[in-house]
Amino acid sequence: MNEPEYIAKLVLLEMSEIEDLLPMFEPGMPEVLSPPGYCLLSDALIWGDELPEVNKIGWYRYLCRFRSSLIEGSSEERIRLAWDKAIARWPRWIGFCDTRREESAELTSTLNRFRSKSCVCD
């Protein structure tokens, strides 16, 4: 099994275990309910309203890393398979809202501000 297949298997397995807890987006609901934060471990923007209180969050870090790469106008290809499979299975998860995954200069700037504040310098 190659790395993208392993990541996809991990993401789908962990999301399946908590799928009843995933916050879903409903039509007419505002897409951005909270300002983004930052996860240093995945170097990614995160929103507090999209993660249920669970112990396993590896899936979340991978998806947030891929989503942040999309926001920046690139893509973290080793995670694409996991992203594509997860979005096909849970298209209404609030973390997949268009405004949270489209290329955005404003969100890229926010991500870069978080990065600069998180940098450990000599």
PDB file of N, CA and C in Angstrom:
ATOM      1  N   MET A   1       0.855  -1.176   0.000  1.00  0.00           N
ATOM      2  CA  MET A   1       0.000   0.000   0.000  1.00  0.00           C
ATOM      3  C   MET A   1       0.904   1.243   0.000  1.00  0.00           C
ATOM      4  N   ASN A   2       0.657   2.168  -0.934  1.00  0.00           N
ATOM      5  CA  ASN A   2       1.458   3.386  -0.981  1.00  0.00           C
ATOM      6  C   ASN A   2       0.926   4.419   0.012  1.00  0.00           C
ATOM      7  N   GLU A   3       1.670   5.514   0.172  1.00  0.00           N
ATOM      8  CA  GLU A   3       1.296   6.510   1.176  1.00  0.00           C
ATOM      9  C   GLU A   3      -0.085   7.118   0.947  1.00  0.00           C
ATOM     10  N   PRO A   4      -0.439   7.555  -0.270  1.00  0.00           N
ATOM     11  CA  PRO A   4      -1.791   8.105  -0.466  1.00  0.00           C
ATOM     12  C   PRO A   4      -2.901   7.103  -0.132  1.00  0.00           C
ATOM     13  N   GLU A   5      -2.706   5.834  -0.459  1.00  0.00           N
ATOM     14  CA  GLU A   5      -3.710   4.815  -0.128  1.00  0.00           C
ATOM     15  C   GLU A   5      -3.812   4.627   1.385  1.00  0.00           C
ATOM     16  N   TYR A   6      -2.672   4.640   2.066  1.00  0.00           N
ATOM     17  CA  TYR A   6      -2.669   4.499   3.527  1.00  0.00           C
ATOM     18  C   TYR A   6      -3.398   5.671   4.177  1.00  0.00           C
ATOM     19  N   ILE A   7      -3.094   6.888   3.732  1.00  0.00           N
ATOM     20  CA  ILE A   7      -3.750   8.078   4.292  1.00  0.00           C
ATOM     21  C   ILE A   7      -5.254   8.009   4.054  1.00  0.00           C
ATOM     22  N   ALA A   8      -5.665   7.637   2.851  1.00  0.00           N
ATOM     23  CA  ALA A   8      -7.093   7.537   2.534  1.00  0.00           C
ATOM     24  C   ALA A   8      -7.776   6.506   3.429  1.00  0.00           C
ATOM     25  N   LYS A   9      -7.136   5.352   3.626  1.00  0.00           N
ATOM     26  CA  LYS A   9      -7.708   4.305   4.477  1.00  0.00           C
ATOM     27  C   LYS A   9      -7.859   4.801   5.916  1.00  0.00           C
ATOM     28  N   LEU A  10      -6.840   5.481   6.436  1.00  0.00           N
ATOM     29  CA  LEU A  10      -6.884   6.021   7.796  1.00  0.00           C
ATOM     30  C   LEU A  10      -8.001   7.048   7.942  1.00  0.00           C
ATOM     31  N   VAL A  11      -8.079   7.979   7.002  1.00  0.00           N
ATOM     32  CA  VAL A  11      -9.095   9.035   7.074  1.00  0.00           C
ATOM     33  C   VAL A  11     -10.494   8.433   7.042  1.00  0.00           C
ATOM     34  N   LEU A  12     -10.754   7.537   6.110  1.00  0.00           N
ATOM     35  CA  LEU A  12     -12.092   6.938   6.004  1.00  0.00           C
ATOM     36  C   LEU A  12     -12.441   6.099   7.220  1.00  0.00           C
ATOM     37  N   LEU A  13     -11.492   5.351   7.742  1.00  0.00           N
ATOM     38  CA  LEU A  13     -11.733   4.537   8.930  1.00  0.00           C
ATOM     39  C   LEU A  13     -12.072   5.407  10.133  1.00  0.00           C
ATOM     40  N   GLU A  14     -11.243   6.425  10.385  1.00  0.00           N
ATOM     41  CA  GLU A  14     -11.477   7.274  11.557  1.00  0.00           C
ATOM     42  C   GLU A  14     -12.755   8.100  11.421  1.00  0.00           C
ATOM     43  N   MET A  15     -13.053   8.597  10.223  1.00  0.00           N
ATOM     44  CA  MET A  15     -14.291   9.359  10.043  1.00  0.00           C
ATOM     45  C   MET A  15     -15.518   8.458  10.171  1.00  0.00           C
ATOM     46  N   SER A  16     -15.408   7.221   9.714  1.00  0.00           N
ATOM     47  CA  SER A  16     -16.527   6.276   9.832  1.00  0.00           C
ATOM     48  C   SER A  16     -16.881   6.012  11.279  1.00  0.00           C
ATOM     49  N   GLU A  17     -15.866   5.967  12.135  1.00  0.00           N
ATOM     50  CA  GLU A  17     -16.091   5.690  13.552  1.00  0.00           C
ATOM     51  C   GLU A  17     -16.853   6.810  14.248  1.00  0.00           C
ATOM     52  N   ILE A  18     -16.803   8.022  13.713  1.00  0.00           N
ATOM     53  CA  ILE A  18     -17.456   9.160  14.368  1.00  0.00           C
ATOM     54  C   ILE A  18     -18.474   9.861  13.464  1.00  0.00           C
ATOM     55  N   GLU A  19     -18.860   9.235  12.365  1.00  0.00           N
ATOM     56  CA  GLU A  19     -19.691   9.929  11.389  1.00  0.00           C
ATOM     57  C   GLU A  19     -20.989  10.489  11.959  1.00  0.00           C
ATOM     58  N   ASP A  20     -21.557   9.859  12.982  1.00  0.00           N
ATOM     59  CA  ASP A  20     -22.783  10.379  13.592  1.00  0.00           C
ATOM     60  C   ASP A  20     -22.533  11.670  14.365  1.00  0.00           C
ATOM     61  N   LEU A  21     -21.278  11.960  14.675  1.00  0.00           N
ATOM     62  CA  LEU A  21     -20.925  13.155  15.436  1.00  0.00           C
ATOM     63  C   LEU A  21     -20.464  14.312  14.555  1.00  0.00           C
ATOM     64  N   LEU A  22     -20.228  14.047  13.266  1.00  0.00           N
ATOM     65  CA  LEU A  22     -19.707  15.090  12.376  1.00  0.00           C
ATOM     66  C   LEU A  22     -20.741  16.189  12.173  1.00  0.00           C
ATOM     67  N   PRO A  23     -20.367  17.447  12.417  1.00  0.00           N
ATOM     68  CA  PRO A  23     -21.301  18.551  12.154  1.00  0.00           C
ATOM     69  C   PRO A  23     -21.533  18.695  10.651  1.00  0.00           C
ATOM     70  N   MET A  24     -22.790  18.683  10.251  1.00  0.00           N
ATOM     71  CA  MET A  24     -23.141  18.733   8.839  1.00  0.00           C
ATOM     72  C   MET A  24     -23.682  20.102   8.464  1.00  0.00           C
ATOM     73  N   PHE A  25     -23.434  20.476   7.237  1.00  0.00           N
ATOM     74  CA  PHE A  25     -23.913  21.729   6.673  1.00  0.00           C
ATOM     75  C   PHE A  25     -25.304  21.508   6.113  1.00  0.00           C
ATOM     76  N   GLU A  26     -26.207  22.375   6.461  1.00  0.00           N
ATOM     77  CA  GLU A  26     -27.575  22.291   5.961  1.00  0.00           C
ATOM     78  C   GLU A  26     -27.840  23.465   5.019  1.00  0.00           C
ATOM     79  N   PRO A  27     -28.630  23.264   3.968  1.00  0.00           N
ATOM     80  CA  PRO A  27     -28.952  24.366   3.049  1.00  0.00           C
ATOM     81  C   PRO A  27     -29.526  25.569   3.806  1.00  0.00           C
ATOM     82  N   GLY A  28     -29.060  26.752   3.434  1.00  0.00           N
ATOM     83  CA  GLY A  28     -29.532  27.974   4.085  1.00  0.00           C
ATOM     84  C   GLY A  28     -28.723  28.364   5.309  1.00  0.00           C
ATOM     85  N   MET A  29     -27.884  27.481   5.780  1.00  0.00           N
ATOM     86  CA  MET A  29     -27.055  27.739   6.956  1.00  0.00           C
ATOM     87  C   MET A  29     -25.844  28.586   6.540  1.00  0.00           C
ATOM     88  N   PRO A  30     -25.466  29.600   7.325  1.00  0.00           N
ATOM     89  CA  PRO A  30     -24.268  30.355   6.948  1.00  0.00           C
ATOM     90  C   PRO A  30     -23.043  29.441   6.992  1.00  0.00           C
ATOM     91  N   GLU A  31     -22.197  29.563   5.979  1.00  0.00           N
ATOM     92  CA  GLU A  31     -21.069  28.640   5.874  1.00  0.00           C
ATOM     93  C   GLU A  31     -19.980  28.908   6.906  1.00  0.00           C
ATOM     94  N   VAL A  32     -19.702  30.159   7.197  1.00  0.00           N
ATOM     95  CA  VAL A  32     -18.630  30.451   8.139  1.00  0.00           C
ATOM     96  C   VAL A  32     -19.256  30.866   9.462  1.00  0.00           C
ATOM     97  N   LEU A  33     -19.190  29.975  10.429  1.00  0.00           N
ATOM     98  CA  LEU A  33     -19.804  30.223  11.726  1.00  0.00           C
ATOM     99  C   LEU A  33     -18.806  30.721  12.760  1.00  0.00           C
ATOM    100  N   SER A  34     -17.542  30.569  12.478  1.00  0.00           N
ATOM    101  CA  SER A  34     -16.510  31.000  13.417  1.00  0.00           C
ATOM    102  C   SER A  34     -15.260  31.375  12.631  1.00  0.00           C
ATOM    103  N   PRO A  35     -14.403  32.214  13.211  1.00  0.00           N
ATOM    104  CA  PRO A  35     -13.157  32.546  12.510  1.00  0.00           C
ATOM    105  C   PRO A  35     -12.203  31.357  12.553  1.00  0.00           C
ATOM    106  N   PRO A  36     -11.300  31.272  11.576  1.00  0.00           N
ATOM    107  CA  PRO A  36     -10.369  30.141  11.578  1.00  0.00           C
ATOM    108  C   PRO A  36      -9.299  30.285  12.652  1.00  0.00           C
ATOM    109  N   GLY A  37      -8.807  29.132  13.077  1.00  0.00           N
ATOM    110  CA  GLY A  37      -7.653  29.056  13.959  1.00  0.00           C
ATOM    111  C   GLY A  37      -6.543  28.354  13.199  1.00  0.00           C
ATOM    112  N   TYR A  38      -5.537  27.882  13.912  1.00  0.00           N
ATOM    113  CA  TYR A  38      -4.382  27.279  13.260  1.00  0.00           C
ATOM    114  C   TYR A  38      -3.945  26.040  14.019  1.00  0.00           C
ATOM    115  N   CYS A  39      -3.630  24.994  13.268  1.00  0.00           N
ATOM    116  CA  CYS A  39      -3.070  23.764  13.839  1.00  0.00           C
ATOM    117  C   CYS A  39      -1.616  23.677  13.383  1.00  0.00           C
ATOM    118  N   LEU A  40      -0.700  23.840  14.305  1.00  0.00           N
ATOM    119  CA  LEU A  40       0.726  23.800  13.992  1.00  0.00           C
ATOM    120  C   LEU A  40       1.147  22.426  13.491  1.00  0.00           C
ATOM    121  N   LEU A  41       0.584  21.357  14.059  1.00  0.00           N
ATOM    122  CA  LEU A  41       0.981  20.002  13.669  1.00  0.00           C
ATOM    123  C   LEU A  41       0.660  19.677  12.211  1.00  0.00           C
ATOM    124  N   SER A  42      -0.403  20.257  11.682  1.00  0.00           N
ATOM    125  CA  SER A  42      -0.742  20.002  10.280  1.00  0.00           C
ATOM    126  C   SER A  42      -0.494  21.217   9.397  1.00  0.00           C
ATOM    127  N   ASP A  43      -0.018  22.323   9.996  1.00  0.00           N
ATOM    128  CA  ASP A  43       0.217  23.567   9.260  1.00  0.00           C
ATOM    129  C   ASP A  43      -1.020  23.907   8.449  1.00  0.00           C
ATOM    130  N   ALA A  44      -2.148  24.049   9.157  1.00  0.00           N
ATOM    131  CA  ALA A  44      -3.426  24.205   8.466  1.00  0.00           C
ATOM    132  C   ALA A  44      -4.389  25.094   9.240  1.00  0.00           C
ATOM    133  N   LEU A  45      -5.276  25.748   8.482  1.00  0.00           N
ATOM    134  CA  LEU A  45      -6.372  26.480   9.102  1.00  0.00           C
ATOM    135  C   LEU A  45      -7.410  25.480   9.600  1.00  0.00           C
ATOM    136  N   ILE A  46      -7.987  25.785  10.743  1.00  0.00           N
ATOM    137  CA  ILE A  46      -9.046  24.948  11.317  1.00  0.00           C
ATOM    138  C   ILE A  46     -10.178  25.863  11.786  1.00  0.00           C
ATOM    139  N   TRP A  47     -11.366  25.335  11.819  1.00  0.00           N
ATOM    140  CA  TRP A  47     -12.525  26.055  12.339  1.00  0.00           C
ATOM    141  C   TRP A  47     -13.077  25.261  13.522  1.00  0.00           C
ATOM    142  N   GLY A  48     -13.367  25.954  14.599  1.00  0.00           N
ATOM    143  CA  GLY A  48     -13.812  25.306  15.825  1.00  0.00           C
ATOM    144  C   GLY A  48     -15.156  24.618  15.746  1.00  0.00           C
ATOM    145  N   ASP A  49     -15.960  24.940  14.741  1.00  0.00           N
ATOM    146  CA  ASP A  49     -17.296  24.361  14.644  1.00  0.00           C
ATOM    147  C   ASP A  49     -17.352  23.080  13.820  1.00  0.00           C
ATOM    148  N   GLU A  50     -16.196  22.567  13.367  1.00  0.00           N
ATOM    149  CA  GLU A  50     -16.241  21.412  12.476  1.00  0.00           C
ATOM    150  C   GLU A  50     -15.731  20.120  13.085  1.00  0.00           C
ATOM    151  N   LEU A  51     -15.169  20.172  14.256  1.00  0.00           N
ATOM    152  CA  LEU A  51     -14.580  18.978  14.865  1.00  0.00           C
ATOM    153  C   LEU A  51     -15.347  18.576  16.114  1.00  0.00           C
ATOM    154  N   PRO A  52     -15.915  17.381  16.123  1.00  0.00           N
ATOM    155  CA  PRO A  52     -16.572  16.916  17.343  1.00  0.00           C
ATOM    156  C   PRO A  52     -15.522  16.601  18.407  1.00  0.00           C
ATOM    157  N   GLU A  53     -15.949  16.526  19.646  1.00  0.00           N
ATOM    158  CA  GLU A  53     -15.014  16.215  20.727  1.00  0.00           C
ATOM    159  C   GLU A  53     -14.736  14.713  20.726  1.00  0.00           C
ATOM    160  N   VAL A  54     -13.633  14.354  20.086  1.00  0.00           N
ATOM    161  CA  VAL A  54     -13.209  12.962  19.966  1.00  0.00           C
ATOM    162  C   VAL A  54     -11.704  12.896  20.153  1.00  0.00           C
ATOM    163  N   ASN A  55     -11.205  11.700  20.430  1.00  0.00           N
ATOM    164  CA  ASN A  55      -9.777  11.521  20.643  1.00  0.00           C
ATOM    165  C   ASN A  55      -8.988  11.344  19.354  1.00  0.00           C
ATOM    166  N   LYS A  56      -9.563  10.668  18.378  1.00  0.00           N
ATOM    167  CA  LYS A  56      -8.849  10.423  17.127  1.00  0.00           C
ATOM    168  C   LYS A  56      -9.043  11.599  16.190  1.00  0.00           C
ATOM    169  N   ILE A  57      -7.968  12.316  15.910  1.00  0.00           N
ATOM    170  CA  ILE A  57      -8.093  13.456  15.008  1.00  0.00           C
ATOM    171  C   ILE A  57      -7.074  13.419  13.866  1.00  0.00           C
ATOM    172  N   GLY A  58      -6.430  12.287  13.654  1.00  0.00           N
ATOM    173  CA  GLY A  58      -5.508  12.173  12.527  1.00  0.00           C
ATOM    174  C   GLY A  58      -6.190  12.499  11.213  1.00  0.00           C
ATOM    175  N   TRP A  59      -7.404  11.996  11.036  1.00  0.00           N
ATOM    176  CA  TRP A  59      -8.175  12.255   9.824  1.00  0.00           C
ATOM    177  C   TRP A  59      -8.350  13.749   9.607  1.00  0.00           C
ATOM    178  N   TYR A  60      -8.616  14.470  10.698  1.00  0.00           N
ATOM    179  CA  TYR A  60      -8.879  15.903  10.638  1.00  0.00           C
ATOM    180  C   TYR A  60      -7.630  16.673  10.215  1.00  0.00           C
ATOM    181  N   ARG A  61      -6.505  16.294  10.763  1.00  0.00           N
ATOM    182  CA  ARG A  61      -5.252  16.965  10.405  1.00  0.00           C
ATOM    183  C   ARG A  61      -4.944  16.796   8.915  1.00  0.00           C
ATOM    184  N   TYR A  62      -5.125  15.587   8.409  1.00  0.00           N
ATOM    185  CA  TYR A  62      -4.872  15.362   6.976  1.00  0.00           C
ATOM    186  C   TYR A  62      -5.804  16.207   6.107  1.00  0.00           C
ATOM    187  N   LEU A  63      -7.092  16.187   6.411  1.00  0.00           N
ATOM    188  CA  LEU A  63      -8.041  16.923   5.587  1.00  0.00           C
ATOM    189  C   LEU A  63      -7.811  18.427   5.677  1.00  0.00           C
ATOM    190  N   CYS A  64      -7.484  18.911   6.869  1.00  0.00           N
ATOM    191  CA  CYS A  64      -7.216  20.347   7.022  1.00  0.00           C
ATOM    192  C   CYS A  64      -5.949  20.758   6.285  1.00  0.00           C
ATOM    193  N   ARG A  65      -4.949  19.879   6.283  1.00  0.00           N
ATOM    194  CA  ARG A  65      -3.717  20.185   5.541  1.00  0.00           C
ATOM    195  C   ARG A  65      -4.010  20.291   4.041  1.00  0.00           C
ATOM    196  N   PHE A  66      -4.789  19.340   3.520  1.00  0.00           N
ATOM    197  CA  PHE A  66      -5.124  19.386   2.098  1.00  0.00           C
ATOM    198  C   PHE A  66      -5.961  20.624   1.790  1.00  0.00           C
ATOM    199  N   ARG A  67      -6.939  20.893   2.625  1.00  0.00           N
ATOM    200  CA  ARG A  67      -7.811  22.047   2.412  1.00  0.00           C
ATOM    201  C   ARG A  67      -6.996  23.344   2.416  1.00  0.00           C
ATOM    202  N   SER A  68      -6.053  23.470   3.341  1.00  0.00           N
ATOM    203  CA  SER A  68      -5.217  24.673   3.383  1.00  0.00           C
ATOM    204  C   SER A  68      -4.359  24.803   2.134  1.00  0.00           C
ATOM    205  N   SER A  69      -3.919  23.672   1.595  1.00  0.00           N
ATOM    206  CA  SER A  69      -3.146  23.746   0.349  1.00  0.00           C
ATOM    207  C   SER A  69      -4.037  24.248  -0.791  1.00  0.00           C
ATOM    208  N   LEU A  70      -5.311  23.868  -0.808  1.00  0.00           N
ATOM    209  CA  LEU A  70      -6.243  24.377  -1.824  1.00  0.00           C
ATOM    210  C   LEU A  70      -6.461  25.879  -1.653  1.00  0.00           C
ATOM    211  N   ILE A  71      -6.608  26.307  -0.419  1.00  0.00           N
ATOM    212  CA  ILE A  71      -6.789  27.729  -0.123  1.00  0.00           C
ATOM    213  C   ILE A  71      -5.602  28.529  -0.653  1.00  0.00           C
ATOM    214  N   GLU A  72      -4.414  27.947  -0.554  1.00  0.00           N
ATOM    215  CA  GLU A  72      -3.197  28.619  -1.007  1.00  0.00           C
ATOM    216  C   GLU A  72      -2.992  28.512  -2.523  1.00  0.00           C
ATOM    217  N   GLY A  73      -3.838  27.766  -3.206  1.00  0.00           N
ATOM    218  CA  GLY A  73      -3.738  27.655  -4.654  1.00  0.00           C
ATOM    219  C   GLY A  73      -2.838  26.538  -5.135  1.00  0.00           C
ATOM    220  N   SER A  74      -2.559  25.599  -4.269  1.00  0.00           N
ATOM    221  CA  SER A  74      -1.777  24.418  -4.653  1.00  0.00           C
ATOM    222  C   SER A  74      -2.558  23.195  -4.202  1.00  0.00           C
ATOM    223  N   SER A  75      -1.918  22.072  -4.123  1.00  0.00           N
ATOM    224  CA  SER A  75      -2.576  20.925  -3.510  1.00  0.00           C
ATOM    225  C   SER A  75      -1.519  19.940  -3.029  1.00  0.00           C
ATOM    226  N   GLU A  76      -1.778  19.392  -1.881  1.00  0.00           N
ATOM    227  CA  GLU A  76      -0.894  18.406  -1.258  1.00  0.00           C
ATOM    228  C   GLU A  76      -1.293  17.048  -1.828  1.00  0.00           C
ATOM    229  N   GLU A  77      -0.689  16.663  -2.940  1.00  0.00           N
ATOM    230  CA  GLU A  77      -1.143  15.509  -3.721  1.00  0.00           C
ATOM    231  C   GLU A  77      -1.155  14.192  -2.954  1.00  0.00           C
ATOM    232  N   ARG A  78      -0.285  14.032  -1.978  1.00  0.00           N
ATOM    233  CA  ARG A  78      -0.270  12.767  -1.239  1.00  0.00           C
ATOM    234  C   ARG A  78      -1.553  12.578  -0.419  1.00  0.00           C
ATOM    235  N   ILE A  79      -2.310  13.662  -0.246  1.00  0.00           N
ATOM    236  CA  ILE A  79      -3.547  13.592   0.550  1.00  0.00           C
ATOM    237  C   ILE A  79      -4.789  13.645  -0.344  1.00  0.00           C
ATOM    238  N   ARG A  80      -4.627  13.914  -1.621  1.00  0.00           N
ATOM    239  CA  ARG A  80      -5.781  14.094  -2.525  1.00  0.00           C
ATOM    240  C   ARG A  80      -6.739  12.903  -2.512  1.00  0.00           C
ATOM    241  N   LEU A  81      -6.239  11.688  -2.549  1.00  0.00           N
ATOM    242  CA  LEU A  81      -7.101  10.510  -2.574  1.00  0.00           C
ATOM    243  C   LEU A  81      -7.988  10.473  -1.328  1.00  0.00           C
ATOM    244  N   ALA A  82      -7.416  10.752  -0.166  1.00  0.00           N
ATOM    245  CA  ALA A  82      -8.201  10.782   1.076  1.00  0.00           C
ATOM    246  C   ALA A  82      -9.266  11.871   1.004  1.00  0.00           C
ATOM    247  N   TRP A  83      -8.880  13.049   0.525  1.00  0.00           N
ATOM    248  CA  TRP A  83      -9.816  14.168   0.385  1.00  0.00           C
ATOM    249  C   TRP A  83     -10.969  13.795  -0.540  1.00  0.00           C
ATOM    250  N   ASP A  84     -10.647  13.269  -1.705  1.00  0.00           N
ATOM    251  CA  ASP A  84     -11.673  12.924  -2.686  1.00  0.00           C
ATOM    252  C   ASP A  84     -12.643  11.868  -2.156  1.00  0.00           C
ATOM    253  N   LYS A  85     -12.111  10.870  -1.472  1.00  0.00           N
ATOM    254  CA  LYS A  85     -12.983   9.818  -0.929  1.00  0.00           C
ATOM    255  C   LYS A  85     -13.840  10.353   0.214  1.00  0.00           C
ATOM    256  N   ALA A  86     -13.256  11.179   1.075  1.00  0.00           N
ATOM    257  CA  ALA A  86     -14.016  11.718   2.214  1.00  0.00           C
ATOM    258  C   ALA A  86     -15.110  12.667   1.741  1.00  0.00           C
ATOM    259  N   ILE A  87     -14.800  13.515   0.784  1.00  0.00           N
ATOM    260  CA  ILE A  87     -15.814  14.472   0.305  1.00  0.00           C
ATOM    261  C   ILE A  87     -16.928  13.750  -0.453  1.00  0.00           C
ATOM    262  N   ALA A  88     -16.608  12.643  -1.082  1.00  0.00           N
ATOM    263  CA  ALA A  88     -17.643  11.858  -1.761  1.00  0.00           C
ATOM    264  C   ALA A  88     -18.574  11.190  -0.747  1.00  0.00           C
ATOM    265  N   ARG A  89     -18.022  10.780   0.383  1.00  0.00           N
ATOM    266  CA  ARG A  89     -18.829  10.063   1.384  1.00  0.00           C
ATOM    267  C   ARG A  89     -19.567  10.998   2.338  1.00  0.00           C
ATOM    268  N   TRP A  90     -18.946  12.127   2.701  1.00  0.00           N
ATOM    269  CA  TRP A  90     -19.556  13.078   3.643  1.00  0.00           C
ATOM    270  C   TRP A  90     -19.576  14.472   3.036  1.00  0.00           C
ATOM    271  N   PRO A  91     -20.280  14.682   1.922  1.00  0.00           N
ATOM    272  CA  PRO A  91     -20.232  15.977   1.233  1.00  0.00           C
ATOM    273  C   PRO A  91     -20.803  17.134   2.053  1.00  0.00           C
ATOM    274  N   ARG A  92     -21.620  16.838   3.053  1.00  0.00           N
ATOM    275  CA  ARG A  92     -22.230  17.904   3.858  1.00  0.00           C
ATOM    276  C   ARG A  92     -21.478  18.201   5.154  1.00  0.00           C
ATOM    277  N   TRP A  93     -20.335  17.546   5.374  1.00  0.00           N
ATOM    278  CA  TRP A  93     -19.553  17.892   6.566  1.00  0.00           C
ATOM    279  C   TRP A  93     -19.171  19.366   6.449  1.00  0.00           C
ATOM    280  N   ILE A  94     -19.339  20.106   7.514  1.00  0.00           N
ATOM    281  CA  ILE A  94     -19.133  21.551   7.477  1.00  0.00           C
ATOM    282  C   ILE A  94     -17.701  21.929   7.070  1.00  0.00           C
ATOM    283  N   GLY A  95     -16.755  21.058   7.288  1.00  0.00           N
ATOM    284  CA  GLY A  95     -15.373  21.316   6.869  1.00  0.00           C
ATOM    285  C   GLY A  95     -15.173  21.341   5.368  1.00  0.00           C
ATOM    286  N   PHE A  96     -16.166  20.865   4.623  1.00  0.00           N
ATOM    287  CA  PHE A  96     -16.085  20.871   3.158  1.00  0.00           C
ATOM    288  C   PHE A  96     -16.838  22.045   2.530  1.00  0.00           C
ATOM    289  N   CYS A  97     -17.338  22.993   3.325  1.00  0.00           N
ATOM    290  CA  CYS A  97     -18.034  24.163   2.778  1.00  0.00           C
ATOM    291  C   CYS A  97     -17.149  24.853   1.743  1.00  0.00           C
ATOM    292  N   ASP A  98     -17.766  25.329   0.697  1.00  0.00           N
ATOM    293  CA  ASP A  98     -17.017  25.988  -0.380  1.00  0.00           C
ATOM    294  C   ASP A  98     -16.120  27.114   0.128  1.00  0.00           C
ATOM    295  N   THR A  99     -16.634  27.947   1.015  1.00  0.00           N
ATOM    296  CA  THR A  99     -15.852  29.094   1.488  1.00  0.00           C
ATOM    297  C   THR A  99     -14.635  28.686   2.314  1.00  0.00           C
ATOM    298  N   ARG A 100     -14.583  27.441   2.722  1.00  0.00           N
ATOM    299  CA  ARG A 100     -13.446  26.954   3.498  1.00  0.00           C
ATOM    300  C   ARG A 100     -12.454  26.168   2.654  1.00  0.00           C
ATOM    301  N   ARG A 101     -12.743  25.999   1.380  1.00  0.00           N
ATOM    302  CA  ARG A 101     -11.837  25.179   0.571  1.00  0.00           C
ATOM    303  C   ARG A 101     -11.478  25.793  -0.778  1.00  0.00           C
ATOM    304  N   GLU A 102     -12.012  26.959  -1.068  1.00  0.00           N
ATOM    305  CA  GLU A 102     -11.678  27.619  -2.321  1.00  0.00           C
ATOM    306  C   GLU A 102     -10.418  28.464  -2.139  1.00  0.00           C
ATOM    307  N   GLU A 103      -9.703  28.657  -3.231  1.00  0.00           N
ATOM    308  CA  GLU A 103      -8.512  29.507  -3.190  1.00  0.00           C
ATOM    309  C   GLU A 103      -8.915  30.887  -2.678  1.00  0.00           C
ATOM    310  N   SER A 104      -8.144  31.413  -1.717  1.00  0.00           N
ATOM    311  CA  SER A 104      -8.517  32.674  -1.094  1.00  0.00           C
ATOM    312  C   SER A 104      -7.275  33.432  -0.641  1.00  0.00           C
ATOM    313  N   ALA A 105      -7.106  34.633  -1.174  1.00  0.00           N
ATOM    314  CA  ALA A 105      -5.977  35.477  -0.759  1.00  0.00           C
ATOM    315  C   ALA A 105      -6.127  35.860   0.711  1.00  0.00           C
ATOM    316  N   GLU A 106      -7.356  36.121   1.135  1.00  0.00           N
ATOM    317  CA  GLU A 106      -7.598  36.520   2.529  1.00  0.00           C
ATOM    318  C   GLU A 106      -7.243  35.388   3.495  1.00  0.00           C
ATOM    319  N   LEU A 107      -7.707  34.167   3.200  1.00  0.00           N
ATOM    320  CA  LEU A 107      -7.393  33.042   4.092  1.00  0.00           C
ATOM    321  C   LEU A 107      -5.919  32.646   4.001  1.00  0.00           C
ATOM    322  N   THR A 108      -5.306  32.812   2.828  1.00  0.00           N
ATOM    323  CA  THR A 108      -3.868  32.550   2.706  1.00  0.00           C
ATOM    324  C   THR A 108      -3.092  33.529   3.577  1.00  0.00           C
ATOM    325  N   SER A 109      -3.499  34.778   3.583  1.00  0.00           N
ATOM    326  CA  SER A 109      -2.870  35.789   4.434  1.00  0.00           C
ATOM    327  C   SER A 109      -3.042  35.435   5.913  1.00  0.00           C
ATOM    328  N   THR A 110      -4.234  34.985   6.278  1.00  0.00           N
ATOM    329  CA  THR A 110      -4.488  34.560   7.662  1.00  0.00           C
ATOM    330  C   THR A 110      -3.584  33.392   8.029  1.00  0.00           C
ATOM    331  N   LEU A 111      -3.476  32.415   7.150  1.00  0.00           N
ATOM    332  CA  LEU A 111      -2.615  31.255   7.387  1.00  0.00           C
ATOM    333  C   LEU A 111      -1.158  31.696   7.559  1.00  0.00           C
ATOM    334  N   ASN A 112      -0.695  32.594   6.718  1.00  0.00           N
ATOM    335  CA  ASN A 112       0.685  33.067   6.815  1.00  0.00           C
ATOM    336  C   ASN A 112       0.940  33.854   8.106  1.00  0.00           C
ATOM    337  N   ARG A 113      -0.058  34.604   8.572  1.00  0.00           N
ATOM    338  CA  ARG A 113       0.082  35.301   9.867  1.00  0.00           C
ATOM    339  C   ARG A 113       0.221  34.296  10.998  1.00  0.00           C
ATOM    340  N   PHE A 114      -0.614  33.245  10.975  1.00  0.00           N
ATOM    341  CA  PHE A 114      -0.503  32.204  11.999  1.00  0.00           C
ATOM    342  C   PHE A 114       0.884  31.559  11.945  1.00  0.00           C
ATOM    343  N   ARG A 115       1.355  31.254  10.744  1.00  0.00           N
ATOM    344  CA  ARG A 115       2.663  30.625  10.585  1.00  0.00           C
ATOM    345  C   ARG A 115       3.772  31.508  11.172  1.00  0.00           C
ATOM    346  N   SER A 116       3.723  32.791  10.890  1.00  0.00           N
ATOM    347  CA  SER A 116       4.787  33.681  11.356  1.00  0.00           C
ATOM    348  C   SER A 116       4.793  33.798  12.889  1.00  0.00           C
ATOM    349  N   LYS A 117       3.629  33.715  13.488  1.00  0.00           N
ATOM    350  CA  LYS A 117       3.537  33.781  14.954  1.00  0.00           C
ATOM    351  C   LYS A 117       3.945  32.463  15.599  1.00  0.00           C
ATOM    352  N   SER A 118       3.849  31.358  14.861  1.00  0.00           N
ATOM    353  CA  SER A 118       4.155  30.032  15.394  1.00  0.00           C
ATOM    354  C   SER A 118       5.596  29.625  15.160  1.00  0.00           C
ATOM    355  N   CYS A 119       6.333  30.400  14.403  1.00  0.00           N
ATOM    356  CA  CYS A 119       7.708  30.039  14.040  1.00  0.00           C
ATOM    357  C   CYS A 119       8.615  30.118  15.270  1.00  0.00           C
ATOM    358  N   VAL A 120       9.400  29.071  15.454  1.00  0.00           N
ATOM    359  CA  VAL A 120      10.416  29.078  16.507  1.00  0.00           C
ATOM    360  C   VAL A 120      11.729  29.477  15.844  1.00  0.00           C
ATOM    361  N   CYS A 121      12.219  30.637  16.201  1.00  0.00           N
ATOM    362  CA  CYS A 121      13.420  31.174  15.548  1.00  0.00           C
ATOM    363  C   CYS A 121      14.618  31.054  16.473  1.00  0.00           C
ATOM    364  N   ASP A 122      15.804  30.982  15.858  1.00  0.00           N
ATOM    365  CA  ASP A 122      17.057  30.924  16.638  1.00  0.00           C
ATOM    366  C   ASP A 122      17.378  32.266  17.261  1.00  0.00           C
TER     367      ASP A 122
END
